[in-house]
C-alpha atoms as a PDB file:
ATOM      1  CA  MET A   1       9.378  29.923  69.988  1.00  0.00           C
ATOM      2  CA  ILE A   2       7.083  27.491  68.324  1.00  0.00           C
ATOM      3  CA  SER A   3       5.288  25.199  70.670  1.00  0.00           C
ATOM      4  CA  GLU A   4       5.404  21.414  70.128  1.00  0.00           C
ATOM      5  CA  ARG A   5       1.748  21.468  69.153  1.00  0.00           C
ATOM      6  CA  SER A   6       2.192  24.182  66.540  1.00  0.00           C
ATOM      7  CA  HIS A   7       5.194  22.234  65.269  1.00  0.00           C
ATOM      8  CA  LYS A   8       3.106  18.957  64.807  1.00  0.00           C
ATOM      9  CA  THR A   9       0.308  20.996  63.075  1.00  0.00           C
ATOM     10  CA  LEU A  10       2.765  22.554  60.592  1.00  0.00           C
ATOM     11  CA  ILE A  11       4.290  19.168  59.873  1.00  0.00           C
ATOM     12  CA  ALA A  12       0.765  17.706  59.231  1.00  0.00           C
ATOM     13  CA  ILE A  13      -0.066  20.638  56.911  1.00  0.00           C
ATOM     14  CA  VAL A  14       3.252  20.175  54.949  1.00  0.00           C
ATOM     15  CA  VAL A  15       2.540  16.338  54.661  1.00  0.00           C
ATOM     16  CA  VAL A  16      -1.073  16.999  53.450  1.00  0.00           C
ATOM     17  CA  LEU A  17       0.141  19.635  50.965  1.00  0.00           C
ATOM     18  CA  ALA A  18       2.922  17.257  49.642  1.00  0.00           C
ATOM     19  CA  ALA A  19       0.380  14.432  49.218  1.00  0.00           C
ATOM     20  CA  MET A  20      -1.922  16.759  47.284  1.00  0.00           C
ATOM     21  CA  ASN A  21       0.997  17.898  45.023  1.00  0.00           C
ATOM     22  CA  ILE A  22       1.975  14.220  44.358  1.00  0.00           C
ATOM     23  CA  ALA A  23      -1.657  13.390  43.513  1.00  0.00           C
ATOM     24  CA  THR A  24      -1.934  16.464  41.123  1.00  0.00           C
ATOM     25  CA  LEU A  25       1.313  15.573  39.364  1.00  0.00           C
ATOM     26  CA  GLY A  26       0.104  11.859  39.096  1.00  0.00           C
ATOM     27  CA  THR A  27      -3.153  13.026  37.568  1.00  0.00           C
ATOM     28  CA  ILE A  28      -1.376  15.312  35.057  1.00  0.00           C
ATOM     29  CA  ALA A  29       1.015  12.447  34.093  1.00  0.00           C
ATOM     30  CA  PHE A  30      -1.847  10.042  33.751  1.00  0.00           C
ATOM     31  CA  GLY A  31      -3.763  12.304  31.568  1.00  0.00           C
ATOM     32  CA  TYR A  32      -0.636  12.998  29.300  1.00  0.00           C
ATOM     33  CA  PHE A  33       0.169   9.426  28.818  1.00  0.00           C
ATOM     34  CA  ASN A  34      -3.469   8.475  28.213  1.00  0.00           C
ATOM     35  CA  GLN A  35      -3.674  11.275  25.635  1.00  0.00           C
ATOM     36  CA  GLN A  36      -0.629  10.067  23.799  1.00  0.00           C
ATOM     37  CA  LYS A  37      -2.202   6.661  23.458  1.00  0.00           C
ATOM     38  CA  THR A  38      -5.393   8.128  21.905  1.00  0.00           C
ATOM     39  CA  LYS A  39      -3.408  10.216  19.398  1.00  0.00           C
ATOM     40  CA  VAL A  40      -2.156   7.107  17.540  1.00  0.00           C
ATOM     41  CA  GLN A  41      -3.694   7.386  14.010  1.00  0.00           C
ATOM     42  CA  THR A  42      -5.356   4.453  12.591  1.00  0.00           C
ATOM     43  CA  PRO A  43      -4.693   3.623   8.976  1.00  0.00           C
ATOM     44  CA  ARG A  44      -7.215   5.032   6.400  1.00  0.00           C
ATOM     45  CA  THR A  45      -8.477   1.542   5.716  1.00  0.00           C
ATOM     46  CA  GLU A  46      -9.681   1.265   9.373  1.00  0.00           C
ATOM     47  CA  ARG A  47     -11.556   4.535   9.573  1.00  0.00           C
ATOM     48  CA  PRO A  48     -15.107   3.440   8.855  1.00  0.00           C
ATOM     49  CA  LEU A  49     -16.712   6.176  10.927  1.00  0.00           C
ATOM     50  CA  LEU A  50     -15.030   8.948   8.824  1.00  0.00           C
ATOM     51  CA  ARG A  51     -16.021   7.322   5.660  1.00  0.00           C
ATOM     52  CA  ASP A  52     -19.504   6.819   6.792  1.00  0.00           C
ATOM     53  CA  LYS A  53     -19.779  10.367   7.816  1.00  0.00           C
ATOM     54  CA  ALA A  54     -18.506  11.603   4.358  1.00  0.00           C
ATOM     55  CA  GLU A  55     -20.866   9.148   2.647  1.00  0.00           C
ATOM     56  CA  ARG A  56     -23.875  10.335   4.656  1.00  0.00           C
ATOM     57  CA  LEU A  57     -22.926  13.866   3.952  1.00  0.00           C
ATOM     58  CA  MET A  58     -22.801  13.379   0.209  1.00  0.00           C
ATOM     59  CA  VAL A  59     -26.074  11.330   0.274  1.00  0.00           C
ATOM     60  CA  ARG A  60     -27.799  14.076   2.293  1.00  0.00           C
ATOM     61  CA  GLU A  61     -26.291  17.046   0.383  1.00  0.00           C
ATOM     62  CA  LEU A  62     -27.060  15.593  -3.026  1.00  0.00           C
ATOM     63  CA  ASN A  63     -30.440  14.408  -1.793  1.00  0.00           C
ATOM     64  CA  LEU A  64     -29.834  10.944  -3.269  1.00  0.00           C
ATOM     65  CA  THR A  65     -32.713   8.544  -3.435  1.00  0.00           C
ATOM     66  CA  PRO A  66     -32.213   5.206  -1.566  1.00  0.00           C
ATOM     67  CA  GLU A  67     -31.576   3.543  -4.879  1.00  0.00           C
ATOM     68  CA  GLN A  68     -28.975   6.145  -5.808  1.00  0.00           C
ATOM     69  CA  ALA A  69     -27.421   5.821  -2.288  1.00  0.00           C
ATOM     70  CA  GLU A  70     -27.026   2.071  -2.654  1.00  0.00           C
ATOM     71  CA  GLU A  71     -25.457   2.497  -6.148  1.00  0.00           C
ATOM     72  CA  PHE A  72     -23.171   5.148  -4.803  1.00  0.00           C
ATOM     73  CA  LYS A  73     -22.075   2.754  -1.975  1.00  0.00           C
ATOM     74  CA  SER A  74     -21.406   0.128  -4.593  1.00  0.00           C
ATOM     75  CA  LEU A  75     -19.403   2.469  -6.733  1.00  0.00           C
ATOM     76  CA  ARG A  76     -17.412   3.677  -3.764  1.00  0.00           C
ATOM     77  CA  ASP A  77     -16.588   0.118  -2.648  1.00  0.00           C
ATOM     78  CA  GLU A  78     -15.625  -0.797  -6.250  1.00  0.00           C
ATOM     79  CA  PHE A  79     -13.358   2.299  -6.395  1.00  0.00           C
ATOM     80  CA  ARG A  80     -11.642   1.471  -3.087  1.00  0.00           C
ATOM     81  CA  THR A  81     -11.086  -2.134  -4.289  1.00  0.00           C
ATOM     82  CA  GLU A  82      -9.553  -0.887  -7.557  1.00  0.00           C
ATOM     83  CA  THR A  83      -7.306   1.761  -5.907  1.00  0.00           C
ATOM     84  CA  ALA A  84      -6.132  -0.262  -2.805  1.00  0.00           C
ATOM     85  CA  PRO A  85      -3.385  -2.149  -4.621  1.00  0.00           C
ATOM     86  CA  VAL A  86      -2.179   1.061  -6.325  1.00  0.00           C
ATOM     87  CA  MET A  87      -2.050   2.943  -2.954  1.00  0.00           C
ATOM     88  CA  GLN A  88      -0.256   0.011  -1.390  1.00  0.00           C
ATOM     89  CA  GLN A  89       2.402   0.086  -4.117  1.00  0.00           C
ATOM     90  CA  ILE A  90       2.827   3.837  -3.675  1.00  0.00           C
ATOM     91  CA  ARG A  91       3.315   3.437   0.105  1.00  0.00           C
ATOM     92  CA  GLN A  92       5.798   0.573  -0.420  1.00  0.00           C
ATOM     93  CA  LEU A  93       7.823   2.641  -2.945  1.00  0.00           C
ATOM     94  CA  ASN A  94       7.758   5.599  -0.631  1.00  0.00           C
ATOM     95  CA  LYS A  95       9.207   3.411   2.139  1.00  0.00           C
ATOM     96  CA  GLU A  96      11.898   2.194  -0.206  1.00  0.00           C
ATOM     97  CA  ILE A  97      12.711   5.708  -1.264  1.00  0.00           C
ATOM     98  CA  PHE A  98      13.188   6.761   2.432  1.00  0.00           C
ATOM     99  CA  ASP A  99      15.107   3.643   3.079  1.00  0.00           C
ATOM    100  CA  GLU A 100      17.403   4.456   0.287  1.00  0.00           C
ATOM    101  CA  LEU A 101      17.729   8.124   1.407  1.00  0.00           C
ATOM    102  CA  SER A 102      18.722   6.787   4.901  1.00  0.00           C
ATOM    103  CA  LYS A 103      21.755   4.914   3.552  1.00  0.00           C
ATOM    104  CA  GLU A 104      25.163   6.365   3.948  1.00  0.00           C
ATOM    105  CA  THR A 105      25.493   6.769   0.198  1.00  0.00           C
ATOM    106  CA  PRO A 106      22.045   6.792  -1.446  1.00  0.00           C
ATOM    107  CA  SER A 107      21.934   5.990  -5.181  1.00  0.00           C
ATOM    108  CA  GLU A 108      20.463   8.824  -7.071  1.00  0.00           C
ATOM    109  CA  GLY A 109      19.549   6.577  -9.987  1.00  0.00           C
ATOM    110  CA  VAL A 110      17.511   4.221  -7.687  1.00  0.00           C
ATOM    111  CA  LEU A 111      15.846   7.193  -6.074  1.00  0.00           C
ATOM    112  CA  ILE A 112      14.932   8.697  -9.520  1.00  0.00           C
ATOM    113  CA  GLU A 113      13.675   5.348 -10.764  1.00  0.00           C
ATOM    114  CA  LYS A 114      11.488   4.827  -7.718  1.00  0.00           C
ATOM    115  CA  ALA A 115      10.146   8.399  -7.967  1.00  0.00           C
ATOM    116  CA  ASP A 116       9.183   7.820 -11.591  1.00  0.00           C
ATOM    117  CA  LYS A 117       7.349   4.704 -10.603  1.00  0.00           C
ATOM    118  CA  VAL A 118       5.485   6.590  -7.790  1.00  0.00           C
ATOM    119  CA  GLY A 119       4.542   9.240 -10.400  1.00  0.00           C
ATOM    120  CA  LEU A 120       3.150   6.547 -12.828  1.00  0.00           C
ATOM    121  CA  LEU A 121       1.173   5.064  -9.966  1.00  0.00           C
ATOM    122  CA  TYR A 122      -0.318   8.417  -9.041  1.00  0.00           C
ATOM    123  CA  GLY A 123      -1.232   8.875 -12.663  1.00  0.00           C
ATOM    124  CA  GLU A 124      -2.987   5.507 -12.500  1.00  0.00           C
ATOM    125  CA  HIS A 125      -4.730   6.352  -9.316  1.00  0.00           C
ATOM    126  CA  ARG A 126      -5.851   9.771 -10.801  1.00  0.00           C
ATOM    127  CA  ALA A 127      -7.331   7.984 -13.877  1.00  0.00           C
ATOM    128  CA  LEU A 128      -9.239   5.606 -11.579  1.00  0.00           C
ATOM    129  CA  THR A 129     -10.511   8.602  -9.600  1.00  0.00           C
ATOM    130  CA  VAL A 130     -11.700  10.270 -12.881  1.00  0.00           C
ATOM    131  CA  LYS A 131     -13.582   7.211 -13.933  1.00  0.00           C
ATOM    132  CA  HIS A 132     -15.119   6.897 -10.485  1.00  0.00           C
ATOM    133  CA  MET A 133     -16.244  10.591 -10.560  1.00  0.00           C
ATOM    134  CA  LEU A 134     -17.832  10.008 -14.007  1.00  0.00           C
ATOM    135  CA  LYS A 135     -19.690   6.931 -12.688  1.00  0.00           C
ATOM    136  CA  VAL A 136     -20.879   8.895  -9.687  1.00  0.00           C
ATOM    137  CA  ARG A 137     -22.009  11.698 -12.076  1.00  0.00           C
ATOM    138  CA  GLY A 138     -23.763   9.105 -14.114  1.00  0.00           C
ATOM    139  CA  ILE A 139     -26.110   8.069 -11.231  1.00  0.00           C
ATOM    140  CA  CYS A 140     -27.117  11.709 -10.466  1.00  0.00           C
ATOM    141  CA  SER A 141     -29.947  13.776 -11.839  1.00  0.00           C
ATOM    142  CA  PRO A 142     -29.229  16.974 -13.552  1.00  0.00           C
ATOM    143  CA  GLU A 143     -30.186  18.954 -10.317  1.00  0.00           C
ATOM    144  CA  GLN A 144     -27.887  16.868  -8.319  1.00  0.00           C
ATOM    145  CA  CYS A 145     -25.017  17.227 -10.818  1.00  0.00           C
ATOM    146  CA  ARG A 146     -25.071  20.996 -10.105  1.00  0.00           C
ATOM    147  CA  HIS A 147     -23.867  20.290  -6.552  1.00  0.00           C
ATOM    148  CA  LEU A 148     -21.146  17.832  -7.596  1.00  0.00           C
ATOM    149  CA  PRO A 149     -18.416  20.428  -8.411  1.00  0.00           C
ATOM    150  CA  MET A 150     -18.276  21.247  -4.598  1.00  0.00           C
ATOM    151  CA  PHE A 151     -17.588  17.574  -3.843  1.00  0.00           C
ATOM    152  CA  PHE A 152     -15.094  17.007  -6.595  1.00  0.00           C
ATOM    153  CA  ARG A 153     -13.231  20.211  -5.688  1.00  0.00           C
ATOM    154  CA  ASN A 154     -12.979  19.049  -2.040  1.00  0.00           C
ATOM    155  CA  MET A 155     -11.675  15.622  -3.237  1.00  0.00           C
ATOM    156  CA  ASN A 156      -8.944  17.176  -5.378  1.00  0.00           C
ATOM    157  CA  PRO A 157      -5.883  17.840  -3.087  1.00  0.00           C
ATOM    158  CA  ASP A 158      -4.407  20.170  -5.747  1.00  0.00           C
ATOM    159  CA  GLN A 159      -7.159  22.747  -5.560  1.00  0.00           C
ATOM    160  CA  GLU A 160      -8.451  24.529  -2.465  1.00  0.00           C
ATOM    161  CA  PRO A 161     -11.848  23.468  -1.250  1.00  0.00           C
ATOM    162  CA  MET A 162     -14.660  25.840  -2.049  1.00  0.00           C
ATOM    163  CA  HIS A 163     -15.295  26.679   1.521  1.00  0.00           C
ATOM    164  CA  GLN A 164     -11.699  27.967   2.017  1.00  0.00           C
ATOM    165  CA  SER A 165     -11.906  30.362  -0.876  1.00  0.00           C
ATOM    166  CA  ARG A 166     -15.203  31.720   0.440  1.00  0.00           C
ATOM    167  CA  MET A 167     -13.673  32.221   3.761  1.00  0.00           C
ATOM    168  CA  ARG A 168     -10.614  34.120   2.280  1.00  0.00           C
ATOM    169  CA  ARG A 169     -13.016  36.258   0.157  1.00  0.00           C
ATOM    170  CA  ASN A 170     -14.986  37.161   3.274  1.00  0.00           C
ATOM    171  CA  ARG A 171     -11.870  38.295   5.248  1.00  0.00           C
ATOM    172  CA  ARG A 172     -11.032  41.066   2.825  1.00  0.00           C
END
C-alpha cells in the first residue's frame, strides 16, 4: 500500500508535470500565432528593403559609377511611376474577373472582355519595361552592357533565370 507521504509526492509530481505541459503547449501556441502574424505579405509598393537590395546588387554587379547609380535610381523611379497605374488597373480587372467568376451565373462575354483588357494592359506594361531597359542600357558602358543580359533575363518572368539553367546543367 502507498503511504500518505508517497501519495502526496506523486500528486505533487503530477501537478508539476501538468503545469509544465500547459506551459509547453502555451509556448507552442504563442509561437504559431506569432508566426502567422509575420507571414502577412506587404504589398510590393511597401517593400523598400527588397528594392534597395536589388538596386544595390545591380549597382555592385555592373560596377556603376556614383553618377550612373543616381541616374539608374532616377530611371527606376520614373519606371515605377509610369507603370503603377497600369498595374493598378490590372489588379482591379483581375478582381472584377474573380468577382464575376464567383457569381452564380458568370457572363462569359464580360469575362472575355475583361481578360482582353488585362492582355492589352500587360502589353502596355511590357512596352514600358522594354523602354526602361533601353534607357538603363543607355547609361551603361560597353563593358557593363555585357552583364546586362543576366539582369534582363532574371526580370523576364517568361524565361528561366540564368542561374537556374546553370543549376540544371550541373545536375546532369
